[in-house]
Protein backbone atom coordinates (compact mmCIF):
# COMPACT_ATOMS: atom_id res chain seq x y z
CA MET A 1 0.04 12.50 21.20
CA LYS A 2 2.97 13.44 18.59
CA LYS A 3 3.43 9.83 17.94
CA PHE A 4 -0.49 9.35 17.27
CA LEU A 5 -0.47 12.36 14.89
CA ALA A 6 2.14 11.67 12.98
CA LYS A 7 1.46 8.13 12.24
CA ILE A 8 -2.08 9.61 11.15
CA ILE A 9 -0.98 11.71 9.17
CA PHE A 10 1.47 9.06 7.58
CA LEU A 11 -1.61 6.64 7.08
CA THR A 12 -3.20 9.08 5.40
CA LEU A 13 -0.40 9.83 3.20
CA ILE A 14 -0.57 5.96 2.10
CA LEU A 15 -4.25 6.06 1.74
CA ILE A 16 -4.12 9.01 -0.73
CA ILE A 17 -1.46 7.77 -2.66
CA SER A 18 -2.52 3.92 -2.74
CA THR A 19 -5.85 5.13 -3.79
CA GLN A 20 -4.24 7.21 -6.52
CA THR A 21 -2.32 3.78 -7.57
CA ILE A 22 -5.60 1.86 -7.45
CA THR A 23 -7.33 3.75 -9.74
CA PHE A 24 -4.41 4.31 -12.04
CA ALA A 25 -4.66 0.55 -12.61
CA LYS A 26 -8.32 -0.24 -13.27
CA GLU A 27 -8.00 1.91 -16.28
CA THR A 28 -8.33 0.38 -19.80
CA PRO A 29 -4.72 0.46 -21.70
CA ASP A 30 -6.02 2.73 -23.96
CA GLU A 31 -7.59 5.17 -21.20
CA LEU A 32 -4.39 4.68 -19.20
CA ARG A 33 -2.63 5.50 -23.03
CA ALA A 34 -4.32 8.71 -23.24
CA LYS A 35 -3.78 9.72 -19.66
CA LEU A 36 -0.02 9.21 -20.30
CA ASN A 37 -0.41 11.12 -23.27
CA LYS A 38 -2.20 13.96 -21.90
CA MET A 39 0.37 14.03 -18.75
CA SER A 40 3.44 13.96 -20.83
CA VAL A 41 1.92 17.28 -23.26
CA GLU A 42 1.22 18.89 -19.47
CA VAL A 43 4.51 18.31 -18.10
CA LEU A 44 6.55 19.43 -21.14
CA GLU A 45 4.39 22.64 -20.67
CA LYS A 46 5.34 23.10 -17.14
CA MET A 47 8.73 22.25 -17.67
CA TYR A 48 9.13 24.99 -20.37
CA ALA A 49 7.20 27.68 -18.46
CA LYS A 50 9.96 26.93 -15.25
CA TYR A 51 13.20 25.80 -17.14
CA PRO A 52 13.63 27.69 -20.64
CA ASP A 53 16.32 26.09 -21.44
CA ALA A 54 14.42 22.96 -21.35
CA GLU A 55 12.82 23.26 -24.84
CA SER A 56 15.54 24.01 -26.71
CA ALA A 57 17.25 20.70 -24.82
CA VAL A 58 13.91 18.11 -25.98
CA LYS A 59 14.14 19.66 -29.51
CA ASN A 60 17.97 19.00 -29.92
CA SER A 61 17.90 15.12 -27.85
CA TYR A 62 17.71 11.99 -29.76
CA ALA A 63 14.74 11.18 -27.36
CA TYR A 64 12.67 12.60 -23.88
CA SER A 65 11.00 11.01 -21.25
CA THR A 66 8.59 12.39 -18.95
CA ILE A 67 7.09 11.18 -15.96
CA SER A 68 4.82 12.05 -13.15
CA SER A 69 5.47 10.86 -9.91
CA SER A 70 4.90 11.07 -6.00
CA SER A 71 7.21 9.96 -2.75
CA VAL A 72 6.06 8.73 0.16
CA ASN A 73 9.07 9.26 2.74
CA TRP A 74 9.02 8.06 6.46
CA GLY A 75 11.86 8.10 8.70
CA PHE A 76 14.71 5.73 6.69
CA TRP A 77 12.69 4.35 4.29
CA GLY A 78 11.45 5.99 1.34
CA SER A 79 9.67 4.83 -1.55
CA ASP A 80 8.53 6.90 -5.00
CA ARG A 81 6.45 5.52 -8.05
CA GLY A 82 5.56 7.29 -11.23
CA HIS A 83 4.24 6.32 -14.94
CA GLY A 84 4.72 8.66 -18.14
CA LEU A 85 6.12 8.15 -21.75
CA ALA A 86 9.21 8.46 -23.44
CA TYR A 87 9.15 9.36 -26.60
CA ASN A 88 12.55 8.40 -29.81
CA GLN A 89 12.10 11.38 -32.13
CA ASN A 90 14.41 9.71 -34.65
CA LEU A 91 12.13 6.98 -34.68
CA ASP A 92 9.33 8.83 -34.20
CA LYS A 93 8.26 5.77 -31.29
CA LYS A 94 6.39 6.10 -28.29
CA ILE A 95 6.92 3.76 -25.20
CA TYR A 96 4.57 3.67 -21.96
CA VAL A 97 7.12 3.59 -18.62
CA LYS A 98 6.96 2.95 -15.28
CA MET A 99 9.07 4.38 -12.71
CA SER A 100 10.19 2.96 -9.54
CA GLU A 101 12.55 4.31 -6.83
CA MET A 102 13.49 3.41 -3.31
CA LYS A 103 15.18 5.40 -0.59
CA LEU A 104 17.34 4.76 2.65
CA GLY A 105 18.00 7.89 4.71
CA ALA A 106 16.60 10.45 7.18
CA SER A 107 13.26 11.38 5.13
CA PHE A 108 9.69 12.59 6.34
CA GLY A 109 7.26 13.63 4.02
CA ALA A 110 4.76 13.16 1.01
CA LYS A 111 5.49 14.92 -2.58
CA GLU A 112 4.44 14.74 -6.21
CA TYR A 113 6.87 15.92 -8.74
CA ASP A 114 7.40 15.78 -12.58
CA LEU A 115 10.38 14.43 -14.41
CA LEU A 116 12.11 15.10 -18.06
CA PHE A 117 14.94 13.28 -19.25
CA ILE A 118 16.95 14.39 -21.80
CA ILE A 119 18.24 11.18 -23.69
CA GLN A 120 20.95 12.34 -26.29
CA ASN A 121 22.02 9.37 -27.77
CA LYS A 122 20.71 5.66 -29.45
CA ALA A 123 23.21 4.22 -26.33
CA ALA A 124 21.34 6.33 -23.83
CA TRP A 125 18.06 5.36 -25.41
CA ASP A 126 19.16 1.67 -25.75
CA ARG A 127 19.58 1.83 -22.13
CA PHE A 128 16.83 3.58 -20.74
CA ILE A 129 14.32 1.14 -22.10
CA SER A 130 15.86 -2.09 -21.37
CA ARG A 131 15.68 -0.95 -17.83
CA ASN A 132 19.22 -0.48 -17.23
CA ILE A 133 18.69 3.12 -16.09
CA LYS A 134 19.78 3.10 -12.82
CA PHE A 135 20.41 6.35 -11.12
CA GLY A 136 21.03 7.54 -7.50
CA ALA A 137 22.34 10.41 -6.00
CA GLU A 138 22.60 14.08 -7.79
CA VAL A 139 25.43 14.83 -9.74
CA SER A 140 25.20 18.82 -10.57
CA ALA A 141 22.65 21.65 -11.02
CA GLN A 142 24.61 22.89 -14.12
CA ALA A 143 26.70 20.97 -16.18
CA SER A 144 27.60 20.72 -19.83
CA ASP A 145 27.24 17.21 -21.62
CA GLY A 146 31.47 17.39 -22.70
CA VAL A 147 30.35 16.79 -26.23
CA ASN A 148 28.15 18.98 -28.41
CA GLY A 149 28.88 21.86 -26.29
CA ASP A 150 24.94 21.60 -25.06
CA THR A 151 24.45 22.99 -21.45
CA PHE A 152 21.78 22.24 -19.41
CA THR A 153 21.41 24.32 -17.13
CA ASN A 154 18.99 23.16 -13.90
CA ALA A 155 19.10 19.40 -15.20
CA THR A 156 20.99 16.75 -13.31
CA ALA A 157 23.39 14.64 -15.19
CA ILE A 158 21.87 10.80 -13.96
CA ALA A 159 23.81 8.98 -16.45
CA ASN A 160 26.22 8.67 -19.38
CA GLY A 161 23.91 10.70 -22.32
CA VAL A 162 20.85 11.46 -19.79
CA TRP A 163 19.92 14.74 -18.12
CA VAL A 164 16.94 15.51 -15.64
CA TYR A 165 14.86 18.35 -14.92
CA GLN A 166 12.64 17.91 -12.10
CA LEU A 167 9.76 20.54 -11.25
CA ASP A 168 7.72 19.57 -7.27
CA LYS A 169 4.29 20.02 -8.10
CA LYS A 170 2.73 19.88 -4.05
CA GLY A 171 3.52 18.57 -1.18
CA LEU A 172 6.54 18.59 1.70
CA ALA A 173 9.18 16.18 1.99
CA VAL A 174 12.74 16.31 3.88
CA GLU A 175 15.37 14.00 2.56
CA LEU A 176 19.05 13.20 3.51
CA SER A 177 18.89 10.12 1.92
CA PHE A 178 20.74 7.49 -0.56
CA LYS A 179 18.16 6.86 -3.74
CA GLY A 180 18.25 3.74 -6.41
CA ALA A 181 15.99 4.32 -9.45
CA GLN A 182 14.71 2.24 -12.32
CA ILE A 183 12.25 2.82 -15.31
CA LYS A 184 11.12 0.15 -17.17
CA PRO A 185 8.38 -0.13 -19.92
CA TYR A 186 5.02 -1.25 -19.50
CA LYS A 187 4.18 -4.50 -20.52
CA THR A 188 0.52 -3.98 -21.09
CA LEU A 189 0.78 -1.21 -22.98
CA ASN A 190 3.17 -1.45 -25.48
């Protein structure tokens, strides 16, 4: 009975997430851009409320990216999918992005969460938008960039010149896993 119930819960979670993905895919490019612009403003507002230093980090960054994501984890497999935008403040340029992440390890559950990436320099921006940002394990809960003396409390360094804040929205997931993620631009929106 427990196995049957667990399978029903898992299939329900898959159905919910796939329905959101299908709905997202049926929107026109203009509708999707508008939705991602609105989502980005909402993510920034939530991050600033939860992590007050995030606002200063965004203002002083070369660029930033906001992504809203959901994950499903089952046994030794997990997958995350997210959508958002990257904004280069120096060039006043928006690039719409999507994120995919795969996990291997002991995990169970589903959750929705928001990410705010702080991109500190041109080299990090170039890697970010060219599909070369790939990251895995968390580094630290509080660290300094070692260059400007900036401290990103509650942010995690994920690559040279890139920090991330995460805010869980809803769901429950227990994870002990290795993961790898990739962020890439939307071909149809940029």
